[in-house]
Amino acid sequence: MSTIYFDSQHSESLRRENIFRGDIYVFSARPSTRAFVDFSRNLAIEAFAPHDPCAAQHHMQAEEFAAILSQLKPRFMHDPKVKEQMRAIFEEFGEDPEQTFFDVPRMRTMTHGDYLRTGIALAVPPHRDTWFAGHQSQLNWWFPVSGVEPENTMVFHPGYFDRGVDNVSDRYNHQQWMETSRAAAAQQIKTDTRPLPEIRQEIDTSSDFRIQCEEGGLLLFSASHLHSTSPNNTGKTRFSVDFRTVNLDDVVAGRGAPNVDNKSVGTTLSEYLRVSDSTPIPESVVASQ
């Protein structure tokens, strides 16, 4: 059974320990998270002008929408201001800048209906981020930006945190994905032909819950949580941003959430940078995983 903590004052180490057990942390908007989300929203407004980003899908073909995202998402991901804002978030949330490593942030979109559900706007069914070669100690930081409502927000399936499901995560090889599949996202308009890890069974939804927090708020949870996005029938495109962190001590010591069904090949750890100076995780540590 997962516990949900709201605006907790727990230490950063206790927070990680609880998250490895399946607990979820929810935080109200803070100065650092507001700045991060405001910057993200303004980039989207600029990219889709003169249309409201949440309504733009009603004014253009899916191919045009995907083309805009193919420019917007990398721009957001690699903007130096974003990393500055992330460091401000880490400071405000008490992360150790020497032991905490982060990956690049990502802007996510979930369009209304079946307009665009593949490729660069992929609607992933129930999954764990560890199926995409995420480390068992990985923490997910998720921020709603615009258009997020209970009908299109994240759905958690906590009954499966420590219970495996039938899946094909073994067909995901991270090195091959980076070399051949990731760059093809914008071309996957109607169907997605890439070797994605997928669930292969129906799940019991009786334990499901959704968390609706304000724009600029934060959900912090384990990469091992089985989660999905509810079908978007709100008439609006949902925008969110997220990034991931690991603590080097956890990686070296093998601490993290239980691995109940992840069979993916490789690791994303080589893409993580230290908060203090942007140096990567030592190659020897990555190789040992």
C-alpha atoms as a PDB file:
ATOM      1  CA  MET A   1       0.000   0.000   0.000  1.00  0.00           C
ATOM      2  CA  SER A   2       1.486   3.340  -1.070  1.00  0.00           C
ATOM      3  CA  THR A   3       1.378   6.350   1.236  1.00  0.00           C
ATOM      4  CA  ILE A   4       0.913   9.785  -0.327  1.00  0.00           C
ATOM      5  CA  TYR A   5       2.716  12.617   1.465  1.00  0.00           C
ATOM      6  CA  PHE A   6       1.534  16.188   0.848  1.00  0.00           C
ATOM      7  CA  ASP A   7       4.057  19.019   1.290  1.00  0.00           C
ATOM      8  CA  SER A   8       6.125  16.802   3.569  1.00  0.00           C
ATOM      9  CA  GLN A   9       9.060  18.156   5.553  1.00  0.00           C
ATOM     10  CA  HIS A  10      10.897  14.828   5.444  1.00  0.00           C
ATOM     11  CA  SER A  11      14.636  14.893   4.940  1.00  0.00           C
ATOM     12  CA  GLU A  12      15.864  14.118   1.453  1.00  0.00           C
ATOM     13  CA  SER A  13      17.296  10.757   2.569  1.00  0.00           C
ATOM     14  CA  LEU A  14      14.063   9.660   4.267  1.00  0.00           C
ATOM     15  CA  ARG A  15      12.111  10.787   1.213  1.00  0.00           C
ATOM     16  CA  ARG A  16      14.207   8.542  -1.034  1.00  0.00           C
ATOM     17  CA  GLU A  17      13.863   5.630   1.369  1.00  0.00           C
ATOM     18  CA  ASN A  18      10.066   5.951   1.397  1.00  0.00           C
ATOM     19  CA  ILE A  19       9.874   6.324  -2.381  1.00  0.00           C
ATOM     20  CA  PHE A  20      11.802   3.055  -2.770  1.00  0.00           C
ATOM     21  CA  ARG A  21       8.963   1.448  -0.788  1.00  0.00           C
ATOM     22  CA  GLY A  22       6.352   2.824  -3.161  1.00  0.00           C
ATOM     23  CA  ASP A  23       5.356   6.048  -1.409  1.00  0.00           C
ATOM     24  CA  ILE A  24       4.547   9.153  -3.461  1.00  0.00           C
ATOM     25  CA  TYR A  25       5.277  12.781  -2.595  1.00  0.00           C
ATOM     26  CA  VAL A  26       3.083  15.667  -3.727  1.00  0.00           C
ATOM     27  CA  PHE A  27       4.219  19.265  -3.354  1.00  0.00           C
ATOM     28  CA  SER A  28       2.434  22.552  -3.888  1.00  0.00           C
ATOM     29  CA  ALA A  29       3.966  25.106  -6.224  1.00  0.00           C
ATOM     30  CA  ARG A  30       7.147  26.754  -4.954  1.00  0.00           C
ATOM     31  CA  PRO A  31       9.169  29.635  -6.413  1.00  0.00           C
ATOM     32  CA  SER A  32      11.595  27.283  -8.167  1.00  0.00           C
ATOM     33  CA  THR A  33       8.890  25.030  -9.621  1.00  0.00           C
ATOM     34  CA  ARG A  34       6.770  27.988 -10.741  1.00  0.00           C
ATOM     35  CA  ALA A  35       9.739  29.444 -12.624  1.00  0.00           C
ATOM     36  CA  PHE A  36      10.424  26.086 -14.268  1.00  0.00           C
ATOM     37  CA  VAL A  37       6.814  25.613 -15.356  1.00  0.00           C
ATOM     38  CA  ASP A  38       6.333  29.230 -16.448  1.00  0.00           C
ATOM     39  CA  PHE A  39       9.405  29.007 -18.677  1.00  0.00           C
ATOM     40  CA  SER A  40       8.122  25.744 -20.181  1.00  0.00           C
ATOM     41  CA  ARG A  41       4.673  27.183 -20.822  1.00  0.00           C
ATOM     42  CA  ASN A  42       6.047  30.322 -22.468  1.00  0.00           C
ATOM     43  CA  LEU A  43       8.141  28.250 -24.869  1.00  0.00           C
ATOM     44  CA  ALA A  44       5.014  26.315 -25.883  1.00  0.00           C
ATOM     45  CA  ILE A  45       3.009  29.523 -26.343  1.00  0.00           C
ATOM     46  CA  GLU A  46       5.717  30.927 -28.581  1.00  0.00           C
ATOM     47  CA  ALA A  47       5.981  27.720 -30.618  1.00  0.00           C
ATOM     48  CA  PHE A  48       2.251  27.393 -31.328  1.00  0.00           C
ATOM     49  CA  ALA A  49       1.448  31.098 -31.808  1.00  0.00           C
ATOM     50  CA  PRO A  50      -1.044  32.423 -32.750  1.00  0.00           C
ATOM     51  CA  HIS A  51      -2.905  29.417 -31.314  1.00  0.00           C
ATOM     52  CA  ASP A  52      -3.286  28.481 -27.670  1.00  0.00           C
ATOM     53  CA  PRO A  53      -1.044  25.405 -27.286  1.00  0.00           C
ATOM     54  CA  CYS A  54      -3.838  23.530 -25.514  1.00  0.00           C
ATOM     55  CA  ALA A  55      -6.228  24.174 -28.438  1.00  0.00           C
ATOM     56  CA  ALA A  56      -3.795  24.148 -31.377  1.00  0.00           C
ATOM     57  CA  GLN A  57      -4.686  20.595 -32.396  1.00  0.00           C
ATOM     58  CA  HIS A  58      -8.103  21.863 -33.517  1.00  0.00           C
ATOM     59  CA  HIS A  59      -6.471  24.257 -36.007  1.00  0.00           C
ATOM     60  CA  MET A  60      -3.840  22.109 -37.758  1.00  0.00           C
ATOM     61  CA  GLN A  61      -3.147  18.683 -39.136  1.00  0.00           C
ATOM     62  CA  ALA A  62      -1.420  16.160 -36.890  1.00  0.00           C
ATOM     63  CA  GLU A  63       1.675  16.232 -39.105  1.00  0.00           C
ATOM     64  CA  GLU A  64       2.025  20.007 -38.585  1.00  0.00           C
ATOM     65  CA  PHE A  65       1.482  19.641 -34.854  1.00  0.00           C
ATOM     66  CA  ALA A  66       4.173  16.950 -34.678  1.00  0.00           C
ATOM     67  CA  ALA A  67       6.566  19.125 -36.687  1.00  0.00           C
ATOM     68  CA  ILE A  68       6.196  21.936 -34.153  1.00  0.00           C
ATOM     69  CA  LEU A  69       6.830  19.520 -31.299  1.00  0.00           C
ATOM     70  CA  SER A  70       9.933  18.211 -33.064  1.00  0.00           C
ATOM     71  CA  GLN A  71      11.412  21.705 -32.734  1.00  0.00           C
ATOM     72  CA  LEU A  72       9.918  22.696 -29.378  1.00  0.00           C
ATOM     73  CA  LYS A  73      10.872  19.637 -27.343  1.00  0.00           C
ATOM     74  CA  PRO A  74      14.630  19.614 -28.133  1.00  0.00           C
ATOM     75  CA  ARG A  75      14.764  23.370 -27.656  1.00  0.00           C
ATOM     76  CA  PHE A  76      13.299  23.004 -24.177  1.00  0.00           C
ATOM     77  CA  MET A  77      15.486  20.003 -23.355  1.00  0.00           C
ATOM     78  CA  HIS A  78      18.772  21.733 -24.169  1.00  0.00           C
ATOM     79  CA  ASP A  79      18.099  25.331 -23.120  1.00  0.00           C
ATOM     80  CA  PRO A  80      20.765  26.392 -20.562  1.00  0.00           C
ATOM     81  CA  LYS A  81      18.117  28.279 -18.562  1.00  0.00           C
ATOM     82  CA  VAL A  82      16.318  25.010 -17.886  1.00  0.00           C
ATOM     83  CA  LYS A  83      19.313  23.464 -16.152  1.00  0.00           C
ATOM     84  CA  GLU A  84      19.689  26.607 -14.029  1.00  0.00           C
ATOM     85  CA  GLN A  85      16.055  26.285 -12.994  1.00  0.00           C
ATOM     86  CA  MET A  86      16.489  22.589 -12.226  1.00  0.00           C
ATOM     87  CA  ARG A  87      19.407  23.380  -9.932  1.00  0.00           C
ATOM     88  CA  ALA A  88      17.201  25.896  -8.119  1.00  0.00           C
ATOM     89  CA  ILE A  89      14.596  23.149  -7.655  1.00  0.00           C
ATOM     90  CA  PHE A  90      17.200  20.744  -6.268  1.00  0.00           C
ATOM     91  CA  GLU A  91      18.394  23.370  -3.813  1.00  0.00           C
ATOM     92  CA  GLU A  92      14.867  24.140  -2.642  1.00  0.00           C
ATOM     93  CA  PHE A  93      14.123  20.432  -2.141  1.00  0.00           C
ATOM     94  CA  GLY A  94      17.317  19.707  -0.229  1.00  0.00           C
ATOM     95  CA  GLU A  95      19.092  17.527  -2.790  1.00  0.00           C
ATOM     96  CA  ASP A  96      22.806  16.916  -2.221  1.00  0.00           C
ATOM     97  CA  PRO A  97      24.488  18.634  -5.217  1.00  0.00           C
ATOM     98  CA  GLU A  98      27.495  16.292  -5.059  1.00  0.00           C
ATOM     99  CA  GLN A  99      25.584  13.015  -4.875  1.00  0.00           C
ATOM    100  CA  THR A 100      22.511  13.870  -6.972  1.00  0.00           C
ATOM    101  CA  PHE A 101      22.648  13.312 -10.722  1.00  0.00           C
ATOM    102  CA  PHE A 102      19.941  14.346 -13.187  1.00  0.00           C
ATOM    103  CA  ASP A 103      19.028  13.673 -16.799  1.00  0.00           C
ATOM    104  CA  VAL A 104      17.773  16.207 -19.322  1.00  0.00           C
ATOM    105  CA  PRO A 105      14.214  17.441 -18.779  1.00  0.00           C
ATOM    106  CA  ARG A 106      11.482  16.490 -21.215  1.00  0.00           C
ATOM    107  CA  MET A 107       8.309  18.220 -22.295  1.00  0.00           C
ATOM    108  CA  ARG A 108       5.358  15.837 -22.705  1.00  0.00           C
ATOM    109  CA  THR A 109       2.118  16.328 -24.605  1.00  0.00           C
ATOM    110  CA  MET A 110      -1.104  14.352 -24.528  1.00  0.00           C
ATOM    111  CA  THR A 111      -3.528  15.442 -27.233  1.00  0.00           C
ATOM    112  CA  HIS A 112      -7.292  15.102 -27.080  1.00  0.00           C
ATOM    113  CA  GLY A 113      -8.769  11.900 -28.486  1.00  0.00           C
ATOM    114  CA  ASP A 114      -6.839   9.961 -31.106  1.00  0.00           C
ATOM    115  CA  TYR A 115      -5.423  13.026 -32.854  1.00  0.00           C
ATOM    116  CA  LEU A 116      -1.775  12.180 -32.074  1.00  0.00           C
ATOM    117  CA  ARG A 117      -0.934   9.343 -29.688  1.00  0.00           C
ATOM    118  CA  THR A 118       2.309   7.949 -31.092  1.00  0.00           C
ATOM    119  CA  GLY A 119       5.910   9.006 -31.631  1.00  0.00           C
ATOM    120  CA  ILE A 120       6.685  12.451 -30.293  1.00  0.00           C
ATOM    121  CA  ALA A 121       3.325  12.573 -28.451  1.00  0.00           C
ATOM    122  CA  LEU A 122       3.385   8.947 -27.350  1.00  0.00           C
ATOM    123  CA  ALA A 123       0.527   7.807 -25.123  1.00  0.00           C
ATOM    124  CA  VAL A 124       2.144   4.964 -23.227  1.00  0.00           C
ATOM    125  CA  PRO A 125      -0.166   2.336 -21.691  1.00  0.00           C
ATOM    126  CA  PRO A 126       0.543   1.068 -18.155  1.00  0.00           C
ATOM    127  CA  HIS A 127       4.318   0.836 -17.794  1.00  0.00           C
ATOM    128  CA  ARG A 128       7.257   1.295 -15.479  1.00  0.00           C
ATOM    129  CA  ASP A 129      10.023   3.699 -16.452  1.00  0.00           C
ATOM    130  CA  THR A 130      12.475   0.980 -15.488  1.00  0.00           C
ATOM    131  CA  TRP A 131      11.263  -0.917 -18.581  1.00  0.00           C
ATOM    132  CA  PHE A 132      12.999   1.859 -20.542  1.00  0.00           C
ATOM    133  CA  ALA A 133      16.326   0.990 -18.835  1.00  0.00           C
ATOM    134  CA  GLY A 134      15.790   3.366 -15.916  1.00  0.00           C
ATOM    135  CA  HIS A 135      17.760   2.457 -12.794  1.00  0.00           C
ATOM    136  CA  GLN A 136      15.857   0.899  -9.880  1.00  0.00           C
ATOM    137  CA  SER A 137      16.874   3.896  -7.724  1.00  0.00           C
ATOM    138  CA  GLN A 138      15.581   6.430 -10.244  1.00  0.00           C
ATOM    139  CA  LEU A 139      13.177   9.092  -8.985  1.00  0.00           C
ATOM    140  CA  ASN A 140      10.687  10.712 -11.361  1.00  0.00           C
ATOM    141  CA  TRP A 141       9.917  14.437 -10.974  1.00  0.00           C
ATOM    142  CA  TRP A 142       6.681  15.315 -12.815  1.00  0.00           C
ATOM    143  CA  PHE A 143       5.218  18.828 -13.186  1.00  0.00           C
ATOM    144  CA  PRO A 144       1.842  19.763 -14.743  1.00  0.00           C
ATOM    145  CA  VAL A 145       2.190  22.756 -17.073  1.00  0.00           C
ATOM    146  CA  SER A 146      -1.081  23.467 -18.927  1.00  0.00           C
ATOM    147  CA  GLY A 147      -4.368  21.746 -19.608  1.00  0.00           C
ATOM    148  CA  VAL A 148      -3.943  19.091 -16.928  1.00  0.00           C
ATOM    149  CA  GLU A 149      -7.249  17.851 -15.535  1.00  0.00           C
ATOM    150  CA  PRO A 150      -8.381  14.711 -13.661  1.00  0.00           C
ATOM    151  CA  GLU A 151      -9.553  13.305 -17.000  1.00  0.00           C
ATOM    152  CA  ASN A 152      -6.099  13.454 -18.584  1.00  0.00           C
ATOM    153  CA  THR A 153      -3.620  13.292 -15.730  1.00  0.00           C
ATOM    154  CA  MET A 154      -1.362  10.487 -14.574  1.00  0.00           C
ATOM    155  CA  VAL A 155      -2.899   7.288 -13.236  1.00  0.00           C
ATOM    156  CA  PHE A 156      -1.015   5.169 -10.710  1.00  0.00           C
ATOM    157  CA  HIS A 157      -1.552   1.424 -10.354  1.00  0.00           C
ATOM    158  CA  PRO A 158      -0.028   0.928  -6.874  1.00  0.00           C
ATOM    159  CA  GLY A 159      -1.270  -2.630  -6.469  1.00  0.00           C
ATOM    160  CA  TYR A 160       1.518  -3.640  -8.840  1.00  0.00           C
ATOM    161  CA  PHE A 161       4.421  -1.811  -7.230  1.00  0.00           C
ATOM    162  CA  ASP A 162       5.710  -5.055  -5.719  1.00  0.00           C
ATOM    163  CA  ARG A 163       3.863  -7.429  -8.062  1.00  0.00           C
ATOM    164  CA  GLY A 164       5.088  -8.272 -11.551  1.00  0.00           C
ATOM    165  CA  VAL A 165       3.047  -8.080 -14.736  1.00  0.00           C
ATOM    166  CA  ASP A 166       3.428  -9.840 -18.063  1.00  0.00           C
ATOM    167  CA  ASN A 167       5.434  -7.524 -20.311  1.00  0.00           C
ATOM    168  CA  VAL A 168       7.921  -7.411 -23.186  1.00  0.00           C
ATOM    169  CA  SER A 169      10.489  -5.068 -21.650  1.00  0.00           C
ATOM    170  CA  ASP A 170      13.161  -7.528 -22.812  1.00  0.00           C
ATOM    171  CA  ARG A 171      12.815  -6.175 -26.344  1.00  0.00           C
ATOM    172  CA  TYR A 172      13.988  -2.742 -25.215  1.00  0.00           C
ATOM    173  CA  ASN A 173      17.732  -2.249 -25.684  1.00  0.00           C
ATOM    174  CA  HIS A 174      18.717   1.253 -24.630  1.00  0.00           C
ATOM    175  CA  GLN A 175      21.803   1.530 -26.811  1.00  0.00           C
ATOM    176  CA  GLN A 176      19.889   0.431 -29.897  1.00  0.00           C
ATOM    177  CA  TRP A 177      17.048   2.793 -29.001  1.00  0.00           C
ATOM    178  CA  MET A 178      19.398   5.759 -28.832  1.00  0.00           C
ATOM    179  CA  GLU A 179      21.089   4.793 -32.085  1.00  0.00           C
ATOM    180  CA  THR A 180      18.051   4.002 -34.247  1.00  0.00           C
ATOM    181  CA  SER A 181      14.674   4.701 -32.631  1.00  0.00           C
ATOM    182  CA  ARG A 182      14.704   7.880 -30.573  1.00  0.00           C
ATOM    183  CA  ALA A 183      15.353  10.243 -33.488  1.00  0.00           C
ATOM    184  CA  ALA A 184      12.453   8.708 -35.442  1.00  0.00           C
ATOM    185  CA  ALA A 185       9.809   9.888 -32.949  1.00  0.00           C
ATOM    186  CA  ALA A 186       8.488  12.763 -35.077  1.00  0.00           C
ATOM    187  CA  GLN A 187       7.822  10.419 -38.021  1.00  0.00           C
ATOM    188  CA  GLN A 188       5.565   8.097 -35.975  1.00  0.00           C
ATOM    189  CA  ILE A 189       2.285   9.868 -36.729  1.00  0.00           C
ATOM    190  CA  LYS A 190      -0.441   7.221 -37.029  1.00  0.00           C
ATOM    191  CA  THR A 191       1.264   4.135 -35.593  1.00  0.00           C
ATOM    192  CA  ASP A 192       4.462   3.644 -33.634  1.00  0.00           C
ATOM    193  CA  THR A 193       6.666   0.923 -35.123  1.00  0.00           C
ATOM    194  CA  ARG A 194       9.544   1.265 -32.664  1.00  0.00           C
ATOM    195  CA  PRO A 195      10.399  -1.623 -30.252  1.00  0.00           C
ATOM    196  CA  LEU A 196       8.651  -0.209 -27.210  1.00  0.00           C
ATOM    197  CA  PRO A 197       8.347  -2.184 -23.972  1.00  0.00           C
ATOM    198  CA  GLU A 198       4.677  -3.017 -23.433  1.00  0.00           C
ATOM    199  CA  ILE A 199       2.389  -4.669 -20.941  1.00  0.00           C
ATOM    200  CA  ARG A 200       0.799  -7.919 -22.127  1.00  0.00           C
ATOM    201  CA  GLN A 201      -2.081  -8.399 -19.701  1.00  0.00           C
ATOM    202  CA  GLU A 202      -5.171  -6.746 -18.363  1.00  0.00           C
ATOM    203  CA  ILE A 203      -4.637  -5.271 -14.911  1.00  0.00           C
ATOM    204  CA  ASP A 204      -6.842  -4.916 -11.872  1.00  0.00           C
ATOM    205  CA  THR A 205      -7.698  -1.218 -11.628  1.00  0.00           C
ATOM    206  CA  SER A 206      -9.372  -1.368  -8.217  1.00  0.00           C
ATOM    207  CA  SER A 207      -6.363   0.247  -6.502  1.00  0.00           C
ATOM    208  CA  ASP A 208      -5.891   2.974  -9.132  1.00  0.00           C
ATOM    209  CA  PHE A 209      -5.756   6.618  -8.173  1.00  0.00           C
ATOM    210  CA  ARG A 210      -5.047   9.964  -9.808  1.00  0.00           C
ATOM    211  CA  ILE A 211      -3.410  12.971  -8.217  1.00  0.00           C
ATOM    212  CA  GLN A 212      -4.455  16.403  -9.412  1.00  0.00           C
ATOM    213  CA  CYS A 213      -2.051  19.141  -8.385  1.00  0.00           C
ATOM    214  CA  GLU A 214      -1.844  22.739  -9.476  1.00  0.00           C
ATOM    215  CA  GLU A 215       0.319  24.023 -12.289  1.00  0.00           C
ATOM    216  CA  GLY A 216       3.775  24.373 -10.807  1.00  0.00           C
ATOM    217  CA  GLY A 217       3.113  21.579  -8.334  1.00  0.00           C
ATOM    218  CA  LEU A 218       5.225  18.420  -8.265  1.00  0.00           C
ATOM    219  CA  LEU A 219       4.734  14.657  -8.122  1.00  0.00           C
ATOM    220  CA  LEU A 220       7.822  12.751  -6.961  1.00  0.00           C
ATOM    221  CA  PHE A 221       7.742   8.962  -7.262  1.00  0.00           C
ATOM    222  CA  SER A 222       9.711   5.830  -8.070  1.00  0.00           C
ATOM    223  CA  ALA A 223      10.499   4.838 -11.653  1.00  0.00           C
ATOM    224  CA  SER A 224       9.258   1.370 -10.653  1.00  0.00           C
ATOM    225  CA  HIS A 225       5.645   2.508 -10.171  1.00  0.00           C
ATOM    226  CA  LEU A 226       3.291   1.076 -12.758  1.00  0.00           C
ATOM    227  CA  HIS A 227       1.537   4.128 -14.176  1.00  0.00           C
ATOM    228  CA  SER A 228      -0.233   5.411 -17.279  1.00  0.00           C
ATOM    229  CA  THR A 229      -2.132   8.417 -18.575  1.00  0.00           C
ATOM    230  CA  SER A 230      -5.910   8.415 -18.570  1.00  0.00           C
ATOM    231  CA  PRO A 231      -7.548   8.829 -22.008  1.00  0.00           C
ATOM    232  CA  ASN A 232      -7.757  12.520 -22.834  1.00  0.00           C
ATOM    233  CA  ASN A 233     -11.328  13.495 -23.654  1.00  0.00           C
ATOM    234  CA  THR A 234     -11.136  17.039 -22.302  1.00  0.00           C
ATOM    235  CA  GLY A 235     -10.933  18.755 -25.695  1.00  0.00           C
ATOM    236  CA  LYS A 236      -7.510  20.167 -24.772  1.00  0.00           C
ATOM    237  CA  THR A 237      -3.916  19.089 -25.206  1.00  0.00           C
ATOM    238  CA  ARG A 238      -2.164  18.433 -21.919  1.00  0.00           C
ATOM    239  CA  PHE A 239       1.381  19.736 -21.398  1.00  0.00           C
ATOM    240  CA  SER A 240       3.665  18.504 -18.632  1.00  0.00           C
ATOM    241  CA  VAL A 241       7.403  18.375 -17.996  1.00  0.00           C
ATOM    242  CA  ASP A 242       9.523  15.875 -16.130  1.00  0.00           C
ATOM    243  CA  PHE A 243      13.049  14.822 -15.353  1.00  0.00           C
ATOM    244  CA  ARG A 244      14.717  12.046 -13.373  1.00  0.00           C
ATOM    245  CA  THR A 245      17.378  11.839 -10.670  1.00  0.00           C
ATOM    246  CA  VAL A 246      19.531   9.217  -9.015  1.00  0.00           C
ATOM    247  CA  ASN A 247      21.700   9.435  -5.923  1.00  0.00           C
ATOM    248  CA  LEU A 248      25.197   8.093  -6.556  1.00  0.00           C
ATOM    249  CA  ASP A 249      25.397   6.408  -3.148  1.00  0.00           C
ATOM    250  CA  ASP A 250      22.167   4.523  -3.937  1.00  0.00           C
ATOM    251  CA  VAL A 251      23.494   3.408  -7.311  1.00  0.00           C
ATOM    252  CA  VAL A 252      26.794   2.141  -5.890  1.00  0.00           C
ATOM    253  CA  ALA A 253      25.142   0.441  -2.898  1.00  0.00           C
ATOM    254  CA  GLY A 254      22.401  -1.148  -4.996  1.00  0.00           C
ATOM    255  CA  ARG A 255      19.596   0.598  -3.138  1.00  0.00           C
ATOM    256  CA  GLY A 256      16.318   1.178  -4.908  1.00  0.00           C
ATOM    257  CA  ALA A 257      12.820  -0.077  -5.504  1.00  0.00           C
ATOM    258  CA  PRO A 258      12.314  -3.823  -5.997  1.00  0.00           C
ATOM    259  CA  ASN A 259      12.712  -5.156  -9.530  1.00  0.00           C
ATOM    260  CA  VAL A 260       9.664  -7.360 -10.004  1.00  0.00           C
ATOM    261  CA  ASP A 261       9.520  -7.630 -13.805  1.00  0.00           C
ATOM    262  CA  ASN A 262      12.018  -5.336 -15.559  1.00  0.00           C
ATOM    263  CA  LYS A 263      13.977  -7.185 -18.265  1.00  0.00           C
ATOM    264  CA  SER A 264      15.233  -4.249 -20.348  1.00  0.00           C
ATOM    265  CA  VAL A 265      18.799  -4.230 -21.647  1.00  0.00           C
ATOM    266  CA  GLY A 266      21.284  -1.490 -20.818  1.00  0.00           C
ATOM    267  CA  THR A 267      21.037   1.574 -18.590  1.00  0.00           C
ATOM    268  CA  THR A 268      20.335   5.285 -18.899  1.00  0.00           C
ATOM    269  CA  LEU A 269      22.891   6.174 -16.211  1.00  0.00           C
ATOM    270  CA  SER A 270      25.517   7.384 -18.681  1.00  0.00           C
ATOM    271  CA  GLU A 271      23.172  10.301 -19.536  1.00  0.00           C
ATOM    272  CA  TYR A 272      23.030  11.665 -15.977  1.00  0.00           C
ATOM    273  CA  LEU A 273      24.948  14.757 -14.839  1.00  0.00           C
ATOM    274  CA  ARG A 274      26.003  15.835 -11.357  1.00  0.00           C
ATOM    275  CA  VAL A 275      24.003  18.772 -10.026  1.00  0.00           C
ATOM    276  CA  SER A 276      27.074  20.659  -8.792  1.00  0.00           C
ATOM    277  CA  ASP A 277      29.223  20.657 -11.919  1.00  0.00           C
ATOM    278  CA  SER A 278      27.446  18.713 -14.701  1.00  0.00           C
ATOM    279  CA  THR A 279      30.047  15.929 -14.759  1.00  0.00           C
ATOM    280  CA  PRO A 280      28.688  12.502 -15.748  1.00  0.00           C
ATOM    281  CA  ILE A 281      28.451   9.472 -13.509  1.00  0.00           C
ATOM    282  CA  PRO A 282      31.845   7.716 -13.500  1.00  0.00           C
ATOM    283  CA  GLU A 283      32.131   5.199 -16.312  1.00  0.00           C
ATOM    284  CA  SER A 284      33.186   2.491 -13.874  1.00  0.00           C
ATOM    285  CA  VAL A 285      29.920   2.908 -11.967  1.00  0.00           C
ATOM    286  CA  VAL A 286      27.837   2.818 -15.142  1.00  0.00           C
ATOM    287  CA  ALA A 287      29.669  -0.286 -16.358  1.00  0.00           C
ATOM    288  CA  SER A 288      28.962  -2.095 -13.096  1.00  0.00           C
ATOM    289  CA  GLN A 289      25.203  -1.810 -13.442  1.00  0.00           C
END
